Amino acid sequence: MAIGVFDSGVGGLTVHHRLVERFPTADFVYLADQAHAPYGGKSGEEIVDLTRAGCVRLFERGCDVVVLACNTAASVALRRLQQTWLPGYRRELGRSVNILGIVVPTIEAATGLPWEHEADRRGDKVEKLDVLGVFSTPATARSRVYEIEIDKRRQDVAVFSEPCPDLARMIETGAARMELTSVIAGHVKALATRIGRHPDRAILGCTHYEIVADLFQAALPPGTPLIRQPEATADALARYLARHPEFDPGTSSNRRFMTTGRPGAQHSMVEAFWGAPLSFQMA
């Protein structure tokens, strides 16, 4: 069997890269839905339908567990697929499969608390707020998942989201670093203006953004901690597989890269991040 990794495009490779490092003998199938990328400006129903179709492709190729390495898909589609579609699909498929996301591990990393924890609200005065900025696609920002779920767990963390409408598309298509630098600096400035100051910490709430994490770091005040989704997701998957030995990640170190878009080599920005030439096959 294998672990599936799904994203609308190349951003999920940031998570996939860390998973390969953490599970070097496991078998992986990566699927980029580049024919429909980016997801950030699509309606909720479109995102659910596209995410379901991607998961089906991966399950049909032998994956037991699919990691949604896409904040938009995880924020908008994951809970609905888990609750209303996956139980019937398991019966149809005749085996145990599951879909995991990257939002839960990110929130656990941001709060320092397990997902099951909810704050005991006593109305105590909060002496000092930890201001957390979230840079994300418009769909993730609209979902308010980070604001809602972090507020349930920590009263001393104030979350402010900054939607970045074109940034994932620019990274997906290999925009020039100078252009990316300007756009990212603009979003950092816009968030700081809205808050009244820079955030104390930041979440790169789109896996595409991890490819240009250095540009976010340069635009933020020196030393601003970034919560890294790839590391948090790898930690969470390791815990999940330890609890669920029925899911077999494979042992052959097999790696397959597929796309619904144009197959072949990826652009230089992606290959520089990956550290080697990277070619996708048609899904």
Protein backbone atom coordinates (compact mmCIF):
# COMPACT_ATOMS: atom_id res chain seq x y z
CA MET A 1 0.00 0.00 0.00
CA ALA A 2 1.03 3.65 0.01
CA ILE A 3 0.47 7.10 1.45
CA GLY A 4 -1.27 9.56 -0.87
CA VAL A 5 -0.51 13.28 -0.83
CA PHE A 6 -2.98 15.61 -2.56
CA ASP A 7 -2.79 19.28 -3.48
CA SER A 8 -4.23 21.56 -6.12
CA GLY A 9 -0.72 22.00 -7.49
CA VAL A 10 2.93 21.97 -6.48
CA GLY A 11 2.53 23.52 -3.04
CA GLY A 12 1.88 20.16 -1.42
CA LEU A 13 5.39 19.12 -2.40
CA THR A 14 6.58 21.08 0.63
CA VAL A 15 4.67 18.67 2.88
CA HIS A 16 5.52 15.67 0.70
CA HIS A 17 9.24 16.45 0.92
CA ARG A 18 9.12 16.36 4.73
CA LEU A 19 7.04 13.17 4.75
CA VAL A 20 9.56 11.42 2.49
CA GLU A 21 12.34 12.45 4.88
CA ARG A 22 10.36 11.22 7.90
CA PHE A 23 9.26 7.92 6.28
CA PRO A 24 12.12 7.00 3.93
CA THR A 25 10.97 3.42 3.29
CA ALA A 26 7.28 4.24 2.78
CA ASP A 27 5.64 4.30 -0.65
CA PHE A 28 4.11 7.60 -1.75
CA VAL A 29 1.80 8.76 -4.53
CA TYR A 30 1.61 12.54 -5.04
CA LEU A 31 -1.30 13.99 -7.01
CA ALA A 32 -1.43 17.62 -8.18
CA ASP A 33 -4.80 18.77 -9.54
CA GLN A 34 -3.12 21.34 -11.76
CA ALA A 35 -5.95 21.23 -14.30
CA HIS A 36 -8.13 23.03 -11.74
CA ALA A 37 -5.55 25.02 -9.73
CA PRO A 38 -5.66 27.24 -7.82
CA TYR A 39 -8.49 26.30 -5.44
CA GLY A 40 -8.44 29.52 -3.40
CA GLY A 41 -10.99 31.42 -5.47
CA LYS A 42 -13.44 28.55 -6.04
CA SER A 43 -16.78 27.95 -4.33
CA GLY A 44 -17.10 25.52 -1.44
CA GLU A 45 -18.98 22.96 -3.55
CA GLU A 46 -16.31 23.04 -6.25
CA ILE A 47 -13.58 22.49 -3.67
CA VAL A 48 -15.45 19.55 -2.11
CA ASP A 49 -16.06 17.92 -5.50
CA LEU A 50 -12.48 18.35 -6.70
CA THR A 51 -11.02 17.12 -3.42
CA ARG A 52 -13.25 14.04 -3.45
CA ALA A 53 -12.21 13.25 -7.03
CA GLY A 54 -8.54 13.55 -6.10
CA CYS A 55 -8.94 11.25 -3.10
CA VAL A 56 -10.72 8.65 -5.25
CA ARG A 57 -7.82 8.68 -7.72
CA LEU A 58 -5.35 8.06 -4.92
CA PHE A 59 -7.40 5.34 -3.21
CA GLU A 60 -7.80 3.59 -6.57
CA ARG A 61 -3.99 3.59 -6.89
CA GLY A 62 -3.58 1.69 -3.66
CA CYS A 63 -3.29 4.44 -1.05
CA ASP A 64 -4.70 3.63 2.38
CA VAL A 65 -4.27 7.15 3.79
CA VAL A 66 -4.50 10.42 1.87
CA VAL A 67 -2.98 13.58 3.33
CA LEU A 68 -4.64 16.76 2.06
CA ALA A 69 -1.50 18.90 1.70
CA CYS A 70 -3.68 21.86 0.75
CA ASN A 71 -5.07 24.29 3.32
CA THR A 72 -8.03 25.18 1.12
CA ALA A 73 -9.07 21.54 0.64
CA ALA A 74 -8.47 20.71 4.30
CA SER A 75 -10.32 23.81 5.55
CA VAL A 76 -13.33 23.56 3.25
CA ALA A 77 -13.74 19.89 2.28
CA LEU A 78 -12.12 17.57 4.82
CA ARG A 79 -14.75 17.45 7.56
CA ARG A 80 -17.60 17.06 5.08
CA LEU A 81 -15.85 14.24 3.22
CA GLN A 82 -15.00 12.45 6.47
CA GLN A 83 -18.54 12.68 7.79
CA THR A 84 -20.81 12.30 4.76
CA TRP A 85 -18.85 10.52 2.02
CA LEU A 86 -16.04 8.41 3.42
CA PRO A 87 -18.14 5.88 5.44
CA GLY A 88 -20.09 4.80 2.35
CA TYR A 89 -16.99 4.84 0.16
CA ARG A 90 -15.19 2.50 2.59
CA ARG A 91 -18.03 -0.01 2.28
CA GLU A 92 -17.94 0.31 -1.50
CA LEU A 93 -14.16 -0.11 -1.58
CA GLY A 94 -14.16 -2.99 0.90
CA ARG A 95 -11.18 -1.80 2.93
CA SER A 96 -10.18 0.75 5.55
CA VAL A 97 -9.07 4.10 4.14
CA ASN A 98 -8.89 7.58 5.64
CA ILE A 99 -8.29 11.22 4.74
CA LEU A 100 -6.16 13.46 6.95
CA GLY A 101 -5.47 17.17 6.68
CA ILE A 102 -2.82 19.70 7.57
CA VAL A 103 -4.99 22.19 9.45
CA VAL A 104 -5.32 20.13 12.64
CA PRO A 105 -1.54 19.58 13.01
CA THR A 106 -0.96 23.29 12.33
CA ILE A 107 -3.44 24.33 15.02
CA GLU A 108 -1.85 21.90 17.47
CA ALA A 109 1.55 23.42 16.70
CA ALA A 110 0.19 26.98 17.03
CA THR A 111 -1.52 26.36 20.36
CA GLY A 112 0.84 23.79 21.87
CA LEU A 113 -2.25 21.77 22.74
CA PRO A 114 -3.82 18.54 21.43
CA TRP A 115 -6.80 18.86 19.10
CA GLU A 116 -9.15 17.40 21.75
CA HIS A 117 -8.40 20.21 24.20
CA GLU A 118 -10.91 23.02 24.61
CA ALA A 119 -10.32 26.01 26.86
CA ASP A 120 -12.15 26.35 30.16
CA ARG A 121 -13.75 29.75 29.65
CA ARG A 122 -14.00 31.53 32.98
CA GLY A 123 -13.87 35.10 31.72
CA ASP A 124 -10.43 35.65 33.24
CA LYS A 125 -8.68 38.78 32.07
CA VAL A 126 -5.95 38.08 29.52
CA GLU A 127 -2.87 40.06 30.49
CA LYS A 128 -0.97 39.70 27.20
CA LEU A 129 -2.21 38.61 23.81
CA ASP A 130 -0.09 36.53 21.46
CA VAL A 131 -0.90 37.95 18.01
CA LEU A 132 -0.82 35.28 15.31
CA GLY A 133 -0.94 36.18 11.61
CA VAL A 134 -2.19 33.71 9.01
CA PHE A 135 -1.32 34.19 5.34
CA SER A 136 -3.68 32.09 3.24
CA THR A 137 -5.82 31.77 0.13
CA PRO A 138 -9.16 33.65 0.12
CA ALA A 139 -11.12 30.37 0.58
CA THR A 140 -9.14 29.43 3.69
CA ALA A 141 -9.55 32.96 5.07
CA ARG A 142 -13.32 32.83 4.41
CA SER A 143 -13.60 29.54 6.30
CA ARG A 144 -12.17 31.23 9.44
CA VAL A 145 -10.95 27.79 10.52
CA TYR A 146 -7.82 29.13 12.21
CA GLU A 147 -9.68 31.89 14.07
CA ILE A 148 -12.45 29.53 15.24
CA GLU A 149 -10.38 26.51 16.22
CA ILE A 150 -7.55 28.41 17.93
CA ASP A 151 -10.05 30.52 19.90
CA LYS A 152 -11.63 27.30 21.22
CA ARG A 153 -8.29 26.30 22.72
CA ARG A 154 -6.43 29.48 23.66
CA GLN A 155 -7.99 32.72 24.90
CA ASP A 156 -4.63 34.44 24.90
CA VAL A 157 -4.03 34.07 21.13
CA ALA A 158 -5.56 36.60 18.72
CA VAL A 159 -5.65 35.40 15.11
CA PHE A 160 -5.68 37.70 12.08
CA SER A 161 -5.87 36.29 8.55
CA GLU A 162 -4.51 37.96 5.43
CA PRO A 163 -5.93 36.54 2.18
CA CYS A 164 -3.41 36.51 -0.67
CA PRO A 165 -5.55 36.09 -3.80
CA ASP A 166 -2.92 35.58 -6.51
CA LEU A 167 0.10 34.34 -4.62
CA ALA A 168 -0.47 30.57 -5.00
CA ARG A 169 -1.02 31.00 -8.74
CA MET A 170 2.17 33.04 -9.05
CA ILE A 171 4.21 30.37 -7.26
CA GLU A 172 2.52 27.60 -9.25
CA THR A 173 3.53 29.23 -12.53
CA GLY A 174 7.07 30.15 -11.48
CA ALA A 175 6.82 33.94 -11.15
CA ALA A 176 10.06 35.90 -10.78
CA ARG A 177 11.37 36.26 -7.23
CA MET A 178 11.42 40.05 -7.52
CA GLU A 179 7.69 40.04 -8.30
CA LEU A 180 6.98 37.58 -5.48
CA THR A 181 9.03 39.68 -3.05
CA SER A 182 6.92 42.74 -3.82
CA VAL A 183 3.59 40.91 -3.48
CA ILE A 184 4.56 39.22 -0.21
CA ALA A 185 5.86 42.47 1.28
CA GLY A 186 2.54 44.08 0.36
CA HIS A 187 0.55 41.42 2.19
CA VAL A 188 2.78 41.59 5.28
CA LYS A 189 2.34 45.37 5.35
CA ALA A 190 -1.44 45.09 4.86
CA LEU A 191 -1.75 42.67 7.78
CA ALA A 192 0.42 44.84 10.04
CA THR A 193 -1.68 47.89 9.15
CA ARG A 194 -4.91 46.07 9.99
CA ILE A 195 -3.57 44.74 13.31
CA GLY A 196 -1.79 47.98 14.20
CA ARG A 197 1.55 46.19 14.45
CA HIS A 198 3.32 43.12 13.12
CA PRO A 199 2.20 39.70 14.38
CA ASP A 200 4.25 37.93 17.05
CA ARG A 201 4.15 34.70 15.01
CA ALA A 202 2.87 33.69 11.60
CA ILE A 203 1.37 30.67 9.88
CA LEU A 204 1.99 30.20 6.17
CA GLY A 205 -1.52 28.89 5.63
CA CYS A 206 -0.99 27.69 2.06
CA THR A 207 1.55 25.00 1.30
CA HIS A 208 2.66 26.91 -1.81
CA TYR A 209 3.95 29.66 0.49
CA GLU A 210 6.48 27.34 2.11
CA ILE A 211 8.38 27.36 -1.20
CA VAL A 212 9.02 31.09 -0.66
CA ALA A 213 9.18 31.02 3.14
CA ASP A 214 12.43 32.97 3.01
CA LEU A 215 10.61 35.89 1.35
CA PHE A 216 7.99 35.94 4.12
CA GLN A 217 10.77 35.78 6.71
CA ALA A 218 12.52 38.73 5.05
CA ALA A 219 9.30 40.81 4.96
CA LEU A 220 8.45 40.16 8.63
CA PRO A 221 10.47 41.65 11.50
CA PRO A 222 13.71 39.72 12.15
CA GLY A 223 13.20 36.65 14.33
CA THR A 224 9.43 36.35 13.78
CA PRO A 225 8.70 32.61 14.24
CA LEU A 226 6.98 30.83 11.35
CA ILE A 227 4.85 27.80 12.17
CA ARG A 228 5.96 25.21 9.60
CA GLN A 229 3.15 23.02 8.30
CA PRO A 230 5.37 20.30 6.78
CA GLU A 231 7.03 19.51 10.11
CA ALA A 232 3.74 19.62 12.03
CA THR A 233 2.07 17.33 9.48
CA ALA A 234 4.92 14.79 9.55
CA ASP A 235 4.75 14.66 13.35
CA ALA A 236 0.98 14.16 13.25
CA LEU A 237 1.16 11.42 10.61
CA ALA A 238 3.80 9.53 12.62
CA ARG A 239 1.48 9.58 15.65
CA TYR A 240 -1.49 8.52 13.53
CA LEU A 241 0.28 5.55 11.94
CA ALA A 242 1.52 4.42 15.36
CA ARG A 243 -2.09 4.38 16.60
CA HIS A 244 -3.41 2.70 13.43
CA PRO A 245 -1.22 -0.23 12.43
CA GLU A 246 -3.97 -1.40 10.06
CA PHE A 247 -2.78 1.25 7.60
CA ASP A 248 0.25 0.02 5.68
CA PRO A 249 2.54 2.79 4.32
CA GLY A 250 4.55 0.31 2.25
CA THR A 251 8.23 -0.56 2.45
CA SER A 252 9.62 -0.13 -1.09
CA SER A 253 10.47 3.60 -1.08
CA ASN A 254 8.44 3.92 -4.28
CA ARG A 255 7.65 7.51 -5.36
CA ARG A 256 5.06 8.42 -7.98
CA PHE A 257 4.19 11.97 -9.05
CA MET A 258 0.97 12.56 -10.99
CA THR A 259 -0.91 15.57 -12.33
CA THR A 260 -4.29 16.23 -13.86
CA GLY A 261 -2.61 19.02 -15.84
CA ARG A 262 0.33 19.00 -18.22
CA PRO A 263 2.76 16.16 -17.45
CA GLY A 264 6.51 16.55 -17.58
CA ALA A 265 9.16 18.59 -15.81
CA GLN A 266 8.25 21.25 -13.28
CA HIS A 267 9.62 24.80 -13.29
CA SER A 268 12.98 25.71 -11.80
CA MET A 269 11.59 27.19 -8.55
CA VAL A 270 9.95 23.87 -7.66
CA GLU A 271 13.00 21.83 -8.66
CA ALA A 272 15.28 24.10 -6.62
CA PHE A 273 13.06 23.53 -3.59
CA TRP A 274 12.86 19.77 -4.17
CA GLY A 275 16.60 19.55 -4.73
CA ALA A 276 16.43 17.45 -7.91
CA PRO A 277 14.69 17.36 -11.31
CA LEU A 278 11.03 16.50 -10.90
CA SER A 279 8.71 15.13 -13.59
CA PHE A 280 4.98 14.40 -13.27
CA GLN A 281 3.01 11.69 -15.08
CA MET A 282 -0.55 12.15 -16.35
CA ALA A 283 -3.06 11.12 -13.70
